[in-house]
Every structure is written in structure tokens, then in C-alpha cells.
């Protein structure tokens, strides 16, 4: 697994925790998790990347309730 995949998986792990706790994927851009992970910035970058992320990652994000093109 590449370091970029590891970084993506770390962000996705934080997203899943956020969704579990908040019951939605509406993460404010300014949101920083208790362990100081900048989830809001990470999610914004994923949304901006859109289809360039690849089908698998887009599907995983959509399953968490993220609106992504």
C-alpha cells in the first residue's frame, strides 16, 4: 500500500467515526478531530478531487453520505 493510500485510509477512518457519532457526513471545513486530524480539510480535498479519486474511493465516500461528483 502506498503512503497516499495510507493517508487516504486515515482520513476515511476519521470520516467513519465522525459519521458514526454525528449521523451525517456534513463535516465543517474547520472541523478538527480530538486527535487533531483536520478532517474538514481532508473531506474538502476529496470532494474537489471528485472522480479523479477513482470509483472505489468515490463509492466508499458516497456510502458514508458524502455528496461527491
PDB file of N, CA and C in Angstrom:
ATOM      1  N   UNK A   1       0.843  -1.179   0.000  1.00  0.00           N
ATOM      2  CA  UNK A   1       0.000   0.000   0.000  1.00  0.00           C
ATOM      3  C   UNK A   1       0.887   1.241   0.000  1.00  0.00           C
ATOM      4  N   UNK A   2       0.551   2.183  -0.856  1.00  0.00           N
ATOM      5  CA  UNK A   2       1.355   3.405  -0.949  1.00  0.00           C
ATOM      6  C   UNK A   2       1.056   4.336   0.226  1.00  0.00           C
ATOM      7  N   UNK A   3       1.941   5.276   0.444  1.00  0.00           N
ATOM      8  CA  UNK A   3       1.722   6.226   1.542  1.00  0.00           C
ATOM      9  C   UNK A   3       0.486   7.080   1.281  1.00  0.00           C
ATOM     10  N   UNK A   4       0.193   7.366  -0.001  1.00  0.00           N
ATOM     11  CA  UNK A   4      -1.011   8.150  -0.286  1.00  0.00           C
ATOM     12  C   UNK A   4      -2.270   7.349   0.047  1.00  0.00           C
ATOM     13  N   UNK A   5      -2.235   6.025  -0.186  1.00  0.00           N
ATOM     14  CA  UNK A   5      -3.364   5.168   0.197  1.00  0.00           C
ATOM     15  C   UNK A   5      -3.500   5.113   1.711  1.00  0.00           C
ATOM     16  N   UNK A   6      -2.383   5.055   2.399  1.00  0.00           N
ATOM     17  CA  UNK A   6      -2.418   5.032   3.863  1.00  0.00           C
ATOM     18  C   UNK A   6      -2.997   6.340   4.394  1.00  0.00           C
ATOM     19  N   UNK A   7      -2.596   7.457   3.800  1.00  0.00           N
ATOM     20  CA  UNK A   7      -3.129   8.757   4.212  1.00  0.00           C
ATOM     21  C   UNK A   7      -4.628   8.829   3.940  1.00  0.00           C
ATOM     22  N   UNK A   8      -5.060   8.319   2.776  1.00  0.00           N
ATOM     23  CA  UNK A   8      -6.480   8.334   2.446  1.00  0.00           C
ATOM     24  C   UNK A   8      -7.255   7.475   3.440  1.00  0.00           C
ATOM     25  N   UNK A   9      -6.730   6.307   3.735  1.00  0.00           N
ATOM     26  CA  UNK A   9      -7.400   5.413   4.690  1.00  0.00           C
ATOM     27  C   UNK A   9      -7.511   6.043   6.066  1.00  0.00           C
ATOM     28  N   UNK A  10      -6.505   6.805   6.465  1.00  0.00           N
ATOM     29  CA  UNK A  10      -6.546   7.509   7.748  1.00  0.00           C
ATOM     30  C   UNK A  10      -7.681   8.540   7.745  1.00  0.00           C
ATOM     31  N   UNK A  11      -7.797   9.297   6.680  1.00  0.00           N
ATOM     32  CA  UNK A  11      -8.886  10.267   6.569  1.00  0.00           C
ATOM     33  C   UNK A  11     -10.243   9.581   6.571  1.00  0.00           C
ATOM     34  N   UNK A  12     -10.352   8.490   5.846  1.00  0.00           N
ATOM     35  CA  UNK A  12     -11.625   7.769   5.766  1.00  0.00           C
ATOM     36  C   UNK A  12     -12.003   7.192   7.123  1.00  0.00           C
ATOM     37  N   UNK A  13     -11.020   6.717   7.864  1.00  0.00           N
ATOM     38  CA  UNK A  13     -11.274   6.203   9.219  1.00  0.00           C
ATOM     39  C   UNK A  13     -11.872   7.311  10.095  1.00  0.00           C
ATOM     40  N   UNK A  14     -11.311   8.491  10.000  1.00  0.00           N
ATOM     41  CA  UNK A  14     -11.834   9.618  10.776  1.00  0.00           C
ATOM     42  C   UNK A  14     -13.236  10.001  10.310  1.00  0.00           C
ATOM     43  N   UNK A  15     -13.477   9.938   9.004  1.00  0.00           N
ATOM     44  CA  UNK A  15     -14.804  10.239   8.491  1.00  0.00           C
ATOM     45  C   UNK A  15     -15.826   9.246   9.032  1.00  0.00           C
ATOM     46  N   UNK A  16     -15.499   7.975   9.007  1.00  0.00           N
ATOM     47  CA  UNK A  16     -16.430   6.958   9.514  1.00  0.00           C
ATOM     48  C   UNK A  16     -16.763   7.206  10.978  1.00  0.00           C
ATOM     49  N   UNK A  17     -15.774   7.581  11.758  1.00  0.00           N
ATOM     50  CA  UNK A  17     -16.010   7.871  13.176  1.00  0.00           C
ATOM     51  C   UNK A  17     -16.914   9.087  13.320  1.00  0.00           C
ATOM     52  N   UNK A  18     -16.658  10.123  12.531  1.00  0.00           N
ATOM     53  CA  UNK A  18     -17.479  11.334  12.574  1.00  0.00           C
ATOM     54  C   UNK A  18     -18.929  10.998  12.236  1.00  0.00           C
ATOM     55  N   UNK A  19     -19.137  10.232  11.172  1.00  0.00           N
ATOM     56  CA  UNK A  19     -20.490   9.865  10.745  1.00  0.00           C
ATOM     57  C   UNK A  19     -21.173   9.027  11.828  1.00  0.00           C
ATOM     58  N   UNK A  20     -20.443   8.123  12.425  1.00  0.00           N
ATOM     59  CA  UNK A  20     -20.991   7.293  13.490  1.00  0.00           C
ATOM     60  C   UNK A  20     -21.468   8.148  14.670  1.00  0.00           C
ATOM     61  N   UNK A  21     -20.699   9.145  15.018  1.00  0.00           N
ATOM     62  CA  UNK A  21     -21.021   9.995  16.169  1.00  0.00           C
ATOM     63  C   UNK A  21     -22.068  11.060  15.851  1.00  0.00           C
ATOM     64  N   UNK A  22     -22.091  11.555  14.613  1.00  0.00           N
ATOM     65  CA  UNK A  22     -22.956  12.677  14.249  1.00  0.00           C
ATOM     66  C   UNK A  22     -24.126  12.302  13.342  1.00  0.00           C
ATOM     67  N   UNK A  23     -24.127  11.087  12.868  1.00  0.00           N
ATOM     68  CA  UNK A  23     -25.172  10.566  11.986  1.00  0.00           C
ATOM     69  C   UNK A  23     -25.316  11.329  10.675  1.00  0.00           C
ATOM     70  N   UNK A  24     -24.248  11.986  10.255  1.00  0.00           N
ATOM     71  CA  UNK A  24     -24.221  12.634   8.948  1.00  0.00           C
ATOM     72  C   UNK A  24     -22.770  12.879   8.555  1.00  0.00           C
ATOM     73  N   UNK A  25     -22.582  13.224   7.286  1.00  0.00           N
ATOM     74  CA  UNK A  25     -21.232  13.485   6.773  1.00  0.00           C
ATOM     75  C   UNK A  25     -21.037  14.967   6.481  1.00  0.00           C
ATOM     76  N   UNK A  26     -21.811  15.804   7.153  1.00  0.00           N
ATOM     77  CA  UNK A  26     -21.722  17.256   6.948  1.00  0.00           C
ATOM     78  C   UNK A  26     -20.620  17.830   7.836  1.00  0.00           C
ATOM     79  N   UNK A  27     -19.402  17.509   7.485  1.00  0.00           N
ATOM     80  CA  UNK A  27     -18.242  17.919   8.277  1.00  0.00           C
ATOM     81  C   UNK A  27     -17.884  19.370   7.937  1.00  0.00           C
ATOM     82  N   UNK A  28     -17.906  20.270   8.924  1.00  0.00           N
ATOM     83  CA  UNK A  28     -17.481  21.645   8.647  1.00  0.00           C
ATOM     84  C   UNK A  28     -16.007  21.668   8.213  1.00  0.00           C
ATOM     85  N   UNK A  29     -15.682  22.542   7.291  1.00  0.00           N
ATOM     86  CA  UNK A  29     -14.304  22.634   6.795  1.00  0.00           C
ATOM     87  C   UNK A  29     -13.331  22.889   7.943  1.00  0.00           C
ATOM     88  N   UNK A  30     -13.782  23.602   8.953  1.00  0.00           N
ATOM     89  CA  UNK A  30     -12.909  23.945  10.090  1.00  0.00           C
ATOM     90  C   UNK A  30     -12.800  22.827  11.128  1.00  0.00           C
ATOM     91  N   UNK A  31     -13.520  21.710  10.906  1.00  0.00           N
ATOM     92  CA  UNK A  31     -13.535  20.647  11.926  1.00  0.00           C
ATOM     93  C   UNK A  31     -12.178  19.956  12.051  1.00  0.00           C
ATOM     94  N   UNK A  32     -11.741  19.826  13.298  1.00  0.00           N
ATOM     95  CA  UNK A  32     -10.523  19.093  13.636  1.00  0.00           C
ATOM     96  C   UNK A  32     -10.920  18.076  14.694  1.00  0.00           C
ATOM     97  N   UNK A  33     -10.562  16.819  14.486  1.00  0.00           N
ATOM     98  CA  UNK A  33     -10.944  15.761  15.426  1.00  0.00           C
ATOM     99  C   UNK A  33     -10.197  15.917  16.756  1.00  0.00           C
ATOM    100  N   UNK A  34     -10.668  15.228  17.785  1.00  0.00           N
ATOM    101  CA  UNK A  34      -9.995  15.321  19.092  1.00  0.00           C
ATOM    102  C   UNK A  34      -8.497  14.963  19.041  1.00  0.00           C
ATOM    103  N   UNK A  35      -8.121  14.096  18.090  1.00  0.00           N
ATOM    104  CA  UNK A  35      -6.693  13.744  17.978  1.00  0.00           C
ATOM    105  C   UNK A  35      -5.961  14.655  16.977  1.00  0.00           C
ATOM    106  N   UNK A  36      -6.592  15.788  16.685  1.00  0.00           N
ATOM    107  CA  UNK A  36      -6.021  16.864  15.856  1.00  0.00           C
ATOM    108  C   UNK A  36      -5.948  16.556  14.356  1.00  0.00           C
ATOM    109  N   UNK A  37      -6.739  15.605  13.902  1.00  0.00           N
ATOM    110  CA  UNK A  37      -6.787  15.323  12.464  1.00  0.00           C
ATOM    111  C   UNK A  37      -7.714  16.343  11.810  1.00  0.00           C
ATOM    112  N   UNK A  38      -7.251  16.987  10.754  1.00  0.00           N
ATOM    113  CA  UNK A  38      -8.025  18.027  10.073  1.00  0.00           C
ATOM    114  C   UNK A  38      -8.992  17.393   9.071  1.00  0.00           C
ATOM    115  N   UNK A  39     -10.034  16.777   9.606  1.00  0.00           N
ATOM    116  CA  UNK A  39     -10.997  16.041   8.790  1.00  0.00           C
ATOM    117  C   UNK A  39     -11.729  16.950   7.817  1.00  0.00           C
ATOM    118  N   UNK A  40     -12.109  18.141   8.245  1.00  0.00           N
ATOM    119  CA  UNK A  40     -12.830  19.054   7.358  1.00  0.00           C
ATOM    120  C   UNK A  40     -12.033  19.391   6.108  1.00  0.00           C
ATOM    121  N   UNK A  41     -10.756  19.656   6.284  1.00  0.00           N
ATOM    122  CA  UNK A  41      -9.869  19.959   5.153  1.00  0.00           C
ATOM    123  C   UNK A  41      -9.696  18.725   4.268  1.00  0.00           C
ATOM    124  N   UNK A  42      -9.524  17.561   4.892  1.00  0.00           N
ATOM    125  CA  UNK A  42      -9.367  16.316   4.140  1.00  0.00           C
ATOM    126  C   UNK A  42     -10.596  16.059   3.268  1.00  0.00           C
ATOM    127  N   UNK A  43     -11.783  16.203   3.874  1.00  0.00           N
ATOM    128  CA  UNK A  43     -13.004  15.913   3.130  1.00  0.00           C
ATOM    129  C   UNK A  43     -13.205  16.907   1.991  1.00  0.00           C
ATOM    130  N   UNK A  44     -12.901  18.163   2.220  1.00  0.00           N
ATOM    131  CA  UNK A  44     -12.996  19.158   1.156  1.00  0.00           C
ATOM    132  C   UNK A  44     -12.094  18.770  -0.022  1.00  0.00           C
ATOM    133  N   UNK A  45     -10.897  18.320   0.268  1.00  0.00           N
ATOM    134  CA  UNK A  45      -9.967  17.898  -0.794  1.00  0.00           C
ATOM    135  C   UNK A  45     -10.526  16.709  -1.570  1.00  0.00           C
ATOM    136  N   UNK A  46     -11.194  15.787  -0.877  1.00  0.00           N
ATOM    137  CA  UNK A  46     -11.775  14.630  -1.565  1.00  0.00           C
ATOM    138  C   UNK A  46     -12.885  15.077  -2.501  1.00  0.00           C
ATOM    139  N   UNK A  47     -13.729  15.984  -2.008  1.00  0.00           N
ATOM    140  CA  UNK A  47     -14.833  16.483  -2.838  1.00  0.00           C
ATOM    141  C   UNK A  47     -14.304  17.213  -4.067  1.00  0.00           C
ATOM    142  N   UNK A  48     -13.247  17.970  -3.890  1.00  0.00           N
ATOM    143  CA  UNK A  48     -12.666  18.701  -5.028  1.00  0.00           C
ATOM    144  C   UNK A  48     -12.027  17.751  -6.036  1.00  0.00           C
ATOM    145  N   UNK A  49     -11.502  16.648  -5.554  1.00  0.00           N
ATOM    146  CA  UNK A  49     -10.883  15.659  -6.451  1.00  0.00           C
ATOM    147  C   UNK A  49     -11.930  14.916  -7.264  1.00  0.00           C
ATOM    148  N   UNK A  50     -13.089  14.691  -6.676  1.00  0.00           N
ATOM    149  CA  UNK A  50     -14.192  14.038  -7.376  1.00  0.00           C
ATOM    150  C   UNK A  50     -13.802  12.718  -8.006  1.00  0.00           C
ATOM    151  N   UNK A  51     -14.152  12.557  -9.267  1.00  0.00           N
ATOM    152  CA  UNK A  51     -13.946  11.295  -9.981  1.00  0.00           C
ATOM    153  C   UNK A  51     -12.474  10.911 -10.095  1.00  0.00           C
ATOM    154  N   UNK A  52     -11.575  11.866  -9.961  1.00  0.00           N
ATOM    155  CA  UNK A  52     -10.141  11.545 -10.037  1.00  0.00           C
ATOM    156  C   UNK A  52      -9.696  10.624  -8.907  1.00  0.00           C
ATOM    157  N   UNK A  53     -10.529  10.524  -7.862  1.00  0.00           N
ATOM    158  CA  UNK A  53     -10.206   9.624  -6.751  1.00  0.00           C
ATOM    159  C   UNK A  53     -10.254   8.162  -7.178  1.00  0.00           C
ATOM    160  N   UNK A  54     -11.066   7.876  -8.160  1.00  0.00           N
ATOM    161  CA  UNK A  54     -11.282   6.502  -8.589  1.00  0.00           C
ATOM    162  C   UNK A  54     -12.615   6.001  -8.055  1.00  0.00           C
ATOM    163  N   UNK A  55     -13.165   5.030  -8.760  1.00  0.00           N
ATOM    164  CA  UNK A  55     -14.501   4.523  -8.429  1.00  0.00           C
ATOM    165  C   UNK A  55     -14.612   3.998  -7.000  1.00  0.00           C
ATOM    166  N   UNK A  56     -13.613   3.259  -6.555  1.00  0.00           N
ATOM    167  CA  UNK A  56     -13.667   2.641  -5.228  1.00  0.00           C
ATOM    168  C   UNK A  56     -13.783   3.687  -4.122  1.00  0.00           C
ATOM    169  N   UNK A  57     -12.946   4.695  -4.173  1.00  0.00           N
ATOM    170  CA  UNK A  57     -12.953   5.719  -3.124  1.00  0.00           C
ATOM    171  C   UNK A  57     -14.228   6.555  -3.188  1.00  0.00           C
ATOM    172  N   UNK A  58     -14.682   6.895  -4.402  1.00  0.00           N
ATOM    173  CA  UNK A  58     -15.925   7.647  -4.542  1.00  0.00           C
ATOM    174  C   UNK A  58     -17.079   6.841  -3.956  1.00  0.00           C
ATOM    175  N   UNK A  59     -17.122   5.561  -4.252  1.00  0.00           N
ATOM    176  CA  UNK A  59     -18.189   4.699  -3.724  1.00  0.00           C
ATOM    177  C   UNK A  59     -18.153   4.663  -2.196  1.00  0.00           C
ATOM    178  N   UNK A  60     -16.975   4.521  -1.622  1.00  0.00           N
ATOM    179  CA  UNK A  60     -16.852   4.482  -0.163  1.00  0.00           C
ATOM    180  C   UNK A  60     -17.320   5.795   0.465  1.00  0.00           C
ATOM    181  N   UNK A  61     -16.949   6.910  -0.139  1.00  0.00           N
ATOM    182  CA  UNK A  61     -17.382   8.203   0.384  1.00  0.00           C
ATOM    183  C   UNK A  61     -18.903   8.346   0.287  1.00  0.00           C
ATOM    184  N   UNK A  62     -19.468   7.963  -0.840  1.00  0.00           N
ATOM    185  CA  UNK A  62     -20.926   8.038  -1.008  1.00  0.00           C
ATOM    186  C   UNK A  62     -21.643   7.167   0.009  1.00  0.00           C
ATOM    187  N   UNK A  63     -21.085   6.008   0.315  1.00  0.00           N
ATOM    188  CA  UNK A  63     -21.707   5.120   1.306  1.00  0.00           C
ATOM    189  C   UNK A  63     -21.755   5.767   2.684  1.00  0.00           C
ATOM    190  N   UNK A  64     -20.873   6.713   2.933  1.00  0.00           N
ATOM    191  CA  UNK A  64     -20.873   7.425   4.217  1.00  0.00           C
ATOM    192  C   UNK A  64     -21.798   8.656   4.169  1.00  0.00           C
ATOM    193  N   UNK A  65     -22.361   8.923   2.996  1.00  0.00           N
ATOM    194  CA  UNK A  65     -23.279  10.050   2.864  1.00  0.00           C
ATOM    195  C   UNK A  65     -22.649  11.311   2.303  1.00  0.00           C
ATOM    196  N   UNK A  66     -21.458  11.192   1.756  1.00  0.00           N
ATOM    197  CA  UNK A  66     -20.769  12.346   1.173  1.00  0.00           C
ATOM    198  C   UNK A  66     -21.316  12.576  -0.237  1.00  0.00           C
ATOM    199  N   UNK A  67     -21.719  13.808  -0.503  1.00  0.00           N
ATOM    200  CA  UNK A  67     -22.155  14.180  -1.854  1.00  0.00           C
ATOM    201  C   UNK A  67     -20.908  14.505  -2.656  1.00  0.00           C
ATOM    202  N   UNK A  68     -20.641  13.685  -3.662  1.00  0.00           N
ATOM    203  CA  UNK A  68     -19.428  13.856  -4.458  1.00  0.00           C
ATOM    204  C   UNK A  68     -19.738  13.566  -5.917  1.00  0.00           C
ATOM    205  N   UNK A  69     -19.158  14.349  -6.818  1.00  0.00           N
ATOM    206  CA  UNK A  69     -19.386  14.153  -8.264  1.00  0.00           C
ATOM    207  C   UNK A  69     -18.317  13.261  -8.850  1.00  0.00           C
TER     208      UNK A  69
END
